[in-house]
Amino acid sequence: MTSIADNIGGVTRRIQKATLAAGRSPGDVRLLAVSKTQGPEAIREALAAGQFAFGENYLQEALDKINALKAETSIQWHFIGPIQSNKTRDIANCFDWVHSVDRLKIARRLDEQRDPALPALEVCIQVNINDEPSKSGCTLTELPDLVRSIATLPRLNLRGLMAIPDPDLSEGDLKQSFRKLARALADLRQQEPAAGPLDTLSMGMSDDLELAIAEGATWVRVGSAIFGARAAKS
């Protein structure tokens, strides 16, 4: 049975190999360990192996872990799940990054509720890249207006785009989905140069990170390949 440290090493090698194969520079792609349903001890094991960025989907579960690990000041917390309006205050103040901003109402609440003593919150806009009715995210049509609006919010730093393509897509269609998101970001850089860094593509998971890296991913969100199969959320 492999350890979390072994798994992180294996995923890191996959990222490095895919980055070089894509003709990109070492260090272009960062690993976000998706720690939802994992306990603090698993996160401590990952920390000991040199992993510092962790992604959480469920707010209350995340807050419990953030509190349990508050002495671990090197942790960077990322919120990657759907955001409800009544949960924005805790998300705004307990996380370093939010990958799943999908509408202006949520962005405004995060901006208004972020403690001014904290650095600006790093955010990505979630795009529903395959127009799935059951999935969160703005459409590509809605994206430019949302970018322009978020760019006016002083406590948010707009970094880029995130997507979760349909996992049942063929490899070719999955690659096209990643490419579509990358093109959308490139278009925004040209059309909205004052909107923010726009340097981030959060896409790719355990089974498809190589495809995502080939199309420009800068964060890959990996859970099961690090921590093993997830326990069902109670």
C-alpha atoms as a PDB file:
ATOM      1  CA  MET A   1       0.000   0.000   0.000  1.00  0.00           C
ATOM      2  CA  THR A   2       1.480   3.334  -1.044  1.00  0.00           C
ATOM      3  CA  SER A   3       1.663   6.293   1.299  1.00  0.00           C
ATOM      4  CA  ILE A   4       0.326   9.788   0.678  1.00  0.00           C
ATOM      5  CA  ALA A   5       3.938  10.923   0.257  1.00  0.00           C
ATOM      6  CA  ASP A   6       4.506   8.245  -2.410  1.00  0.00           C
ATOM      7  CA  ASN A   7       1.324   9.288  -4.183  1.00  0.00           C
ATOM      8  CA  ILE A   8       2.314  12.953  -4.166  1.00  0.00           C
ATOM      9  CA  GLY A   9       5.652  11.984  -5.625  1.00  0.00           C
ATOM     10  CA  GLY A  10       3.943  10.007  -8.372  1.00  0.00           C
ATOM     11  CA  VAL A  11       1.521  12.806  -9.244  1.00  0.00           C
ATOM     12  CA  THR A  12       4.350  15.344  -9.215  1.00  0.00           C
ATOM     13  CA  ARG A  13       6.296  13.229 -11.692  1.00  0.00           C
ATOM     14  CA  ARG A  14       3.227  12.988 -13.928  1.00  0.00           C
ATOM     15  CA  ILE A  15       2.875  16.775 -13.846  1.00  0.00           C
ATOM     16  CA  GLN A  16       6.551  17.305 -14.616  1.00  0.00           C
ATOM     17  CA  LYS A  17       6.495  14.836 -17.509  1.00  0.00           C
ATOM     18  CA  ALA A  18       3.318  16.347 -19.004  1.00  0.00           C
ATOM     19  CA  THR A  19       4.670  19.882 -18.605  1.00  0.00           C
ATOM     20  CA  LEU A  20       7.852  19.049 -20.470  1.00  0.00           C
ATOM     21  CA  ALA A  21       5.927  17.125 -23.151  1.00  0.00           C
ATOM     22  CA  ALA A  22       3.814  20.245 -23.730  1.00  0.00           C
ATOM     23  CA  GLY A  23       6.939  22.345 -24.236  1.00  0.00           C
ATOM     24  CA  ARG A  24       6.237  24.353 -21.101  1.00  0.00           C
ATOM     25  CA  SER A  25       8.623  25.500 -18.397  1.00  0.00           C
ATOM     26  CA  PRO A  26       9.106  23.477 -15.196  1.00  0.00           C
ATOM     27  CA  GLY A  27       7.010  25.012 -12.464  1.00  0.00           C
ATOM     28  CA  ASP A  28       4.293  26.273 -14.833  1.00  0.00           C
ATOM     29  CA  VAL A  29       1.770  23.847 -13.326  1.00  0.00           C
ATOM     30  CA  ARG A  30       0.912  23.670  -9.629  1.00  0.00           C
ATOM     31  CA  LEU A  31      -0.692  20.818  -7.746  1.00  0.00           C
ATOM     32  CA  LEU A  32      -3.833  21.444  -5.719  1.00  0.00           C
ATOM     33  CA  ALA A  33      -4.474  18.501  -3.398  1.00  0.00           C
ATOM     34  CA  VAL A  34      -8.238  18.044  -3.138  1.00  0.00           C
ATOM     35  CA  SER A  35      -8.694  17.105   0.486  1.00  0.00           C
ATOM     36  CA  LYS A  36     -12.476  16.958   0.742  1.00  0.00           C
ATOM     37  CA  THR A  37     -13.632  14.074   2.991  1.00  0.00           C
ATOM     38  CA  GLN A  38     -10.045  13.669   4.245  1.00  0.00           C
ATOM     39  CA  GLY A  39      -9.192  14.358   7.874  1.00  0.00           C
ATOM     40  CA  PRO A  40      -6.509  16.628   9.319  1.00  0.00           C
ATOM     41  CA  GLU A  41      -4.047  13.752   9.692  1.00  0.00           C
ATOM     42  CA  ALA A  42      -4.091  13.050   5.965  1.00  0.00           C
ATOM     43  CA  ILE A  43      -3.409  16.723   5.315  1.00  0.00           C
ATOM     44  CA  ARG A  44      -0.542  16.658   7.812  1.00  0.00           C
ATOM     45  CA  GLU A  45       0.943  13.697   5.927  1.00  0.00           C
ATOM     46  CA  ALA A  46       0.710  15.643   2.686  1.00  0.00           C
ATOM     47  CA  LEU A  47       2.292  18.694   4.337  1.00  0.00           C
ATOM     48  CA  ALA A  48       5.184  16.558   5.513  1.00  0.00           C
ATOM     49  CA  ALA A  49       5.687  15.494   1.893  1.00  0.00           C
ATOM     50  CA  GLY A  50       5.929  19.133   0.772  1.00  0.00           C
ATOM     51  CA  GLN A  51       2.347  19.745  -0.412  1.00  0.00           C
ATOM     52  CA  PHE A  52       0.983  23.085   0.791  1.00  0.00           C
ATOM     53  CA  ALA A  53      -2.089  23.916  -1.366  1.00  0.00           C
ATOM     54  CA  PHE A  54      -5.343  22.140  -0.473  1.00  0.00           C
ATOM     55  CA  GLY A  55      -8.766  22.338  -2.105  1.00  0.00           C
ATOM     56  CA  GLU A  56     -12.034  21.969  -0.219  1.00  0.00           C
ATOM     57  CA  ASN A  57     -15.611  21.644  -1.531  1.00  0.00           C
ATOM     58  CA  TYR A  58     -17.728  21.642   1.617  1.00  0.00           C
ATOM     59  CA  LEU A  59     -17.564  24.713   3.827  1.00  0.00           C
ATOM     60  CA  GLN A  60     -18.310  23.331   7.285  1.00  0.00           C
ATOM     61  CA  GLU A  61     -15.990  20.378   6.789  1.00  0.00           C
ATOM     62  CA  ALA A  62     -13.315  22.777   5.592  1.00  0.00           C
ATOM     63  CA  LEU A  63     -13.753  25.138   8.547  1.00  0.00           C
ATOM     64  CA  ASP A  64     -13.308  22.243  10.962  1.00  0.00           C
ATOM     65  CA  LYS A  65     -10.024  21.324   9.270  1.00  0.00           C
ATOM     66  CA  ILE A  66      -8.826  24.917   9.031  1.00  0.00           C
ATOM     67  CA  ASN A  67      -9.384  25.256  12.775  1.00  0.00           C
ATOM     68  CA  ALA A  68      -7.694  21.926  13.529  1.00  0.00           C
ATOM     69  CA  LEU A  69      -4.681  22.915  11.421  1.00  0.00           C
ATOM     70  CA  LYS A  70      -4.460  26.603  12.337  1.00  0.00           C
ATOM     71  CA  ALA A  71      -0.926  26.114  13.656  1.00  0.00           C
ATOM     72  CA  GLU A  72       0.180  25.008  10.163  1.00  0.00           C
ATOM     73  CA  THR A  73       0.730  28.499   8.802  1.00  0.00           C
ATOM     74  CA  SER A  74       2.212  27.297   5.506  1.00  0.00           C
ATOM     75  CA  ILE A  75      -1.126  25.875   4.271  1.00  0.00           C
ATOM     76  CA  GLN A  76      -2.823  27.641   1.384  1.00  0.00           C
ATOM     77  CA  TRP A  77      -6.572  26.949   1.395  1.00  0.00           C
ATOM     78  CA  HIS A  78      -8.586  26.924  -1.849  1.00  0.00           C
ATOM     79  CA  PHE A  79     -12.378  26.743  -2.014  1.00  0.00           C
ATOM     80  CA  ILE A  80     -13.433  24.820  -5.117  1.00  0.00           C
ATOM     81  CA  GLY A  81     -17.081  23.901  -4.484  1.00  0.00           C
ATOM     82  CA  PRO A  82     -20.422  25.556  -5.294  1.00  0.00           C
ATOM     83  CA  ILE A  83     -20.971  28.716  -3.267  1.00  0.00           C
ATOM     84  CA  GLN A  84     -24.215  29.535  -1.465  1.00  0.00           C
ATOM     85  CA  SER A  85     -24.936  33.175  -0.681  1.00  0.00           C
ATOM     86  CA  ASN A  86     -25.252  32.557   3.056  1.00  0.00           C
ATOM     87  CA  LYS A  87     -21.756  31.022   3.207  1.00  0.00           C
ATOM     88  CA  THR A  88     -19.750  33.776   1.549  1.00  0.00           C
ATOM     89  CA  ARG A  89     -18.490  35.461   4.745  1.00  0.00           C
ATOM     90  CA  ASP A  90     -16.580  32.405   5.946  1.00  0.00           C
ATOM     91  CA  ILE A  91     -15.316  31.645   2.445  1.00  0.00           C
ATOM     92  CA  ALA A  92     -14.161  35.247   2.020  1.00  0.00           C
ATOM     93  CA  ASN A  93     -12.157  35.232   5.237  1.00  0.00           C
ATOM     94  CA  CYS A  94     -10.898  31.675   5.685  1.00  0.00           C
ATOM     95  CA  PHE A  95      -9.555  30.929   2.205  1.00  0.00           C
ATOM     96  CA  ASP A  96      -6.678  32.238   0.110  1.00  0.00           C
ATOM     97  CA  TRP A  97      -8.216  31.275  -3.241  1.00  0.00           C
ATOM     98  CA  VAL A  98     -11.738  30.681  -4.534  1.00  0.00           C
ATOM     99  CA  HIS A  99     -11.941  28.815  -7.852  1.00  0.00           C
ATOM    100  CA  SER A 100     -15.724  28.635  -8.160  1.00  0.00           C
ATOM    101  CA  VAL A 101     -17.112  32.158  -8.508  1.00  0.00           C
ATOM    102  CA  ASP A 102     -19.920  31.790 -11.029  1.00  0.00           C
ATOM    103  CA  ARG A 103     -22.082  34.927 -10.701  1.00  0.00           C
ATOM    104  CA  LEU A 104     -21.766  38.579  -9.797  1.00  0.00           C
ATOM    105  CA  LYS A 105     -23.877  38.330  -6.639  1.00  0.00           C
ATOM    106  CA  ILE A 106     -21.374  35.894  -5.131  1.00  0.00           C
ATOM    107  CA  ALA A 107     -18.385  37.975  -6.231  1.00  0.00           C
ATOM    108  CA  ARG A 108     -19.851  41.115  -4.654  1.00  0.00           C
ATOM    109  CA  ARG A 109     -20.525  39.346  -1.367  1.00  0.00           C
ATOM    110  CA  LEU A 110     -16.991  37.942  -1.247  1.00  0.00           C
ATOM    111  CA  ASP A 111     -15.621  41.406  -1.937  1.00  0.00           C
ATOM    112  CA  GLU A 112     -17.781  43.147   0.653  1.00  0.00           C
ATOM    113  CA  GLN A 113     -17.127  40.539   3.345  1.00  0.00           C
ATOM    114  CA  ARG A 114     -13.361  40.069   2.892  1.00  0.00           C
ATOM    115  CA  ASP A 115     -11.521  41.513   5.885  1.00  0.00           C
ATOM    116  CA  PRO A 116      -9.626  44.626   4.681  1.00  0.00           C
ATOM    117  CA  ALA A 117      -6.671  43.509   6.799  1.00  0.00           C
ATOM    118  CA  LEU A 118      -6.268  40.437   4.579  1.00  0.00           C
ATOM    119  CA  PRO A 119      -4.696  40.438   1.112  1.00  0.00           C
ATOM    120  CA  ALA A 120      -7.110  40.539  -1.805  1.00  0.00           C
ATOM    121  CA  LEU A 121      -8.823  37.186  -2.338  1.00  0.00           C
ATOM    122  CA  GLU A 122      -7.482  35.321  -5.379  1.00  0.00           C
ATOM    123  CA  VAL A 123     -10.447  34.205  -7.488  1.00  0.00           C
ATOM    124  CA  CYS A 124     -11.229  32.252 -10.635  1.00  0.00           C
ATOM    125  CA  ILE A 125     -14.501  32.300 -12.517  1.00  0.00           C
ATOM    126  CA  GLN A 126     -16.063  28.876 -12.952  1.00  0.00           C
ATOM    127  CA  VAL A 127     -17.238  28.307 -16.521  1.00  0.00           C
ATOM    128  CA  ASN A 128     -19.814  25.664 -17.408  1.00  0.00           C
ATOM    129  CA  ILE A 129     -17.748  24.701 -20.396  1.00  0.00           C
ATOM    130  CA  ASN A 130     -20.061  21.920 -21.627  1.00  0.00           C
ATOM    131  CA  ASP A 131     -23.341  23.747 -20.841  1.00  0.00           C
ATOM    132  CA  GLU A 132     -24.446  21.012 -18.451  1.00  0.00           C
ATOM    133  CA  PRO A 133     -27.810  21.881 -16.834  1.00  0.00           C
ATOM    134  CA  SER A 134     -26.830  20.320 -13.497  1.00  0.00           C
ATOM    135  CA  LYS A 135     -23.433  22.006 -13.196  1.00  0.00           C
ATOM    136  CA  SER A 136     -22.447  25.356 -11.697  1.00  0.00           C
ATOM    137  CA  GLY A 137     -20.657  27.956 -13.785  1.00  0.00           C
ATOM    138  CA  CYS A 138     -21.343  30.866 -16.067  1.00  0.00           C
ATOM    139  CA  THR A 139     -21.638  30.423 -19.809  1.00  0.00           C
ATOM    140  CA  LEU A 140     -18.998  31.603 -22.238  1.00  0.00           C
ATOM    141  CA  THR A 141     -21.526  34.199 -23.431  1.00  0.00           C
ATOM    142  CA  GLU A 142     -21.917  35.579 -19.896  1.00  0.00           C
ATOM    143  CA  LEU A 143     -18.185  35.504 -19.189  1.00  0.00           C
ATOM    144  CA  PRO A 144     -16.970  38.888 -20.572  1.00  0.00           C
ATOM    145  CA  ASP A 145     -19.557  40.920 -18.642  1.00  0.00           C
ATOM    146  CA  LEU A 146     -18.805  38.992 -15.458  1.00  0.00           C
ATOM    147  CA  VAL A 147     -15.066  39.594 -15.891  1.00  0.00           C
ATOM    148  CA  ARG A 148     -15.577  43.329 -16.355  1.00  0.00           C
ATOM    149  CA  SER A 149     -17.761  43.525 -13.252  1.00  0.00           C
ATOM    150  CA  ILE A 150     -15.437  41.497 -11.018  1.00  0.00           C
ATOM    151  CA  ALA A 151     -12.500  43.627 -12.148  1.00  0.00           C
ATOM    152  CA  THR A 152     -14.076  46.609 -10.358  1.00  0.00           C
ATOM    153  CA  LEU A 153     -14.175  44.858  -6.967  1.00  0.00           C
ATOM    154  CA  PRO A 154     -11.198  45.969  -4.853  1.00  0.00           C
ATOM    155  CA  ARG A 155     -10.954  43.015  -2.452  1.00  0.00           C
ATOM    156  CA  LEU A 156     -10.850  40.430  -5.246  1.00  0.00           C
ATOM    157  CA  ASN A 157      -7.917  39.664  -7.536  1.00  0.00           C
ATOM    158  CA  LEU A 158      -9.204  37.977 -10.682  1.00  0.00           C
ATOM    159  CA  ARG A 159      -6.705  35.302 -11.663  1.00  0.00           C
ATOM    160  CA  GLY A 160      -8.442  33.312 -14.394  1.00  0.00           C
ATOM    161  CA  LEU A 161     -10.895  30.540 -15.168  1.00  0.00           C
ATOM    162  CA  MET A 162     -11.892  27.154 -13.788  1.00  0.00           C
ATOM    163  CA  ALA A 163     -13.921  24.349 -15.330  1.00  0.00           C
ATOM    164  CA  ILE A 164     -14.993  20.809 -14.539  1.00  0.00           C
ATOM    165  CA  PRO A 165     -15.721  19.150 -17.888  1.00  0.00           C
ATOM    166  CA  ASP A 166     -18.096  16.210 -18.048  1.00  0.00           C
ATOM    167  CA  PRO A 167     -15.943  13.209 -17.018  1.00  0.00           C
ATOM    168  CA  ASP A 168     -17.857  10.936 -19.388  1.00  0.00           C
ATOM    169  CA  LEU A 169     -16.594  12.787 -22.459  1.00  0.00           C
ATOM    170  CA  SER A 170     -14.305  10.997 -24.873  1.00  0.00           C
ATOM    171  CA  GLU A 171     -10.638  11.907 -24.672  1.00  0.00           C
ATOM    172  CA  GLY A 172     -10.983  14.009 -27.811  1.00  0.00           C
ATOM    173  CA  ASP A 173     -13.999  15.905 -26.510  1.00  0.00           C
ATOM    174  CA  LEU A 174     -12.347  16.396 -23.137  1.00  0.00           C
ATOM    175  CA  LYS A 175      -9.309  17.874 -24.838  1.00  0.00           C
ATOM    176  CA  GLN A 176     -11.582  20.199 -26.813  1.00  0.00           C
ATOM    177  CA  SER A 177     -13.229  21.351 -23.580  1.00  0.00           C
ATOM    178  CA  PHE A 178      -9.870  22.220 -22.040  1.00  0.00           C
ATOM    179  CA  ARG A 179      -8.836  23.970 -25.254  1.00  0.00           C
ATOM    180  CA  LYS A 180     -12.064  25.980 -25.270  1.00  0.00           C
ATOM    181  CA  LEU A 181     -11.393  27.248 -21.745  1.00  0.00           C
ATOM    182  CA  ALA A 182      -7.811  28.146 -22.639  1.00  0.00           C
ATOM    183  CA  ARG A 183      -8.986  30.083 -25.696  1.00  0.00           C
ATOM    184  CA  ALA A 184     -11.548  31.922 -23.597  1.00  0.00           C
ATOM    185  CA  LEU A 185      -8.797  33.022 -21.202  1.00  0.00           C
ATOM    186  CA  ALA A 186      -6.549  34.105 -24.077  1.00  0.00           C
ATOM    187  CA  ASP A 187      -9.403  36.153 -25.556  1.00  0.00           C
ATOM    188  CA  LEU A 188     -10.025  37.825 -22.196  1.00  0.00           C
ATOM    189  CA  ARG A 189      -6.370  38.803 -21.883  1.00  0.00           C
ATOM    190  CA  GLN A 190      -6.657  40.637 -25.191  1.00  0.00           C
ATOM    191  CA  GLN A 191     -10.110  42.132 -24.675  1.00  0.00           C
ATOM    192  CA  GLU A 192      -9.903  42.994 -20.957  1.00  0.00           C
ATOM    193  CA  PRO A 193      -6.237  43.808 -20.252  1.00  0.00           C
ATOM    194  CA  ALA A 194      -7.084  45.716 -17.060  1.00  0.00           C
ATOM    195  CA  ALA A 195      -9.237  42.940 -15.563  1.00  0.00           C
ATOM    196  CA  GLY A 196      -6.480  41.312 -13.516  1.00  0.00           C
ATOM    197  CA  PRO A 197      -3.525  38.966 -13.965  1.00  0.00           C
ATOM    198  CA  LEU A 198      -5.630  36.436 -15.916  1.00  0.00           C
ATOM    199  CA  ASP A 199      -2.777  33.974 -15.614  1.00  0.00           C
ATOM    200  CA  THR A 200      -4.626  30.947 -14.255  1.00  0.00           C
ATOM    201  CA  LEU A 201      -6.392  27.939 -15.745  1.00  0.00           C
ATOM    202  CA  SER A 202      -7.710  25.616 -13.042  1.00  0.00           C
ATOM    203  CA  MET A 203      -8.547  22.417 -14.900  1.00  0.00           C
ATOM    204  CA  GLY A 204      -7.626  18.771 -14.894  1.00  0.00           C
ATOM    205  CA  MET A 205      -8.003  16.097 -12.213  1.00  0.00           C
ATOM    206  CA  SER A 206      -6.556  12.698 -11.325  1.00  0.00           C
ATOM    207  CA  ASP A 207      -7.580  10.950 -14.544  1.00  0.00           C
ATOM    208  CA  ASP A 208      -7.045  13.723 -17.085  1.00  0.00           C
ATOM    209  CA  LEU A 209      -4.338  16.027 -15.782  1.00  0.00           C
ATOM    210  CA  GLU A 210      -2.018  15.271 -18.722  1.00  0.00           C
ATOM    211  CA  LEU A 211      -4.667  16.404 -21.222  1.00  0.00           C
ATOM    212  CA  ALA A 212      -5.312  19.558 -19.209  1.00  0.00           C
ATOM    213  CA  ILE A 213      -1.620  20.414 -18.954  1.00  0.00           C
ATOM    214  CA  ALA A 214      -1.211  19.962 -22.712  1.00  0.00           C
ATOM    215  CA  GLU A 215      -3.912  22.606 -23.177  1.00  0.00           C
ATOM    216  CA  GLY A 216      -2.499  25.107 -20.685  1.00  0.00           C
ATOM    217  CA  ALA A 217      -3.623  24.202 -17.149  1.00  0.00           C
ATOM    218  CA  THR A 218      -1.745  26.051 -14.406  1.00  0.00           C
ATOM    219  CA  TRP A 219      -3.512  24.363 -11.443  1.00  0.00           C
ATOM    220  CA  VAL A 220      -4.500  20.703 -11.555  1.00  0.00           C
ATOM    221  CA  ARG A 221      -6.922  19.557  -8.848  1.00  0.00           C
ATOM    222  CA  VAL A 222      -6.015  16.045  -7.691  1.00  0.00           C
ATOM    223  CA  GLY A 223      -7.759  14.088  -4.954  1.00  0.00           C
ATOM    224  CA  SER A 224      -8.025  10.335  -5.367  1.00  0.00           C
ATOM    225  CA  ALA A 225      -4.557   9.924  -6.905  1.00  0.00           C
ATOM    226  CA  ILE A 226      -3.132  11.421  -3.705  1.00  0.00           C
ATOM    227  CA  PHE A 227      -5.457  10.310  -0.928  1.00  0.00           C
ATOM    228  CA  GLY A 228      -7.050   7.212  -2.465  1.00  0.00           C
ATOM    229  CA  ALA A 229     -10.736   6.580  -3.064  1.00  0.00           C
ATOM    230  CA  ARG A 230     -12.877   8.997  -1.086  1.00  0.00           C
ATOM    231  CA  ALA A 231     -15.174   7.906   1.658  1.00  0.00           C
ATOM    232  CA  ALA A 232     -18.804   8.791   1.063  1.00  0.00           C
ATOM    233  CA  LYS A 233     -19.749  12.151   2.562  1.00  0.00           C
ATOM    234  CA  SER A 234     -22.160  11.631   5.466  1.00  0.00           C
END
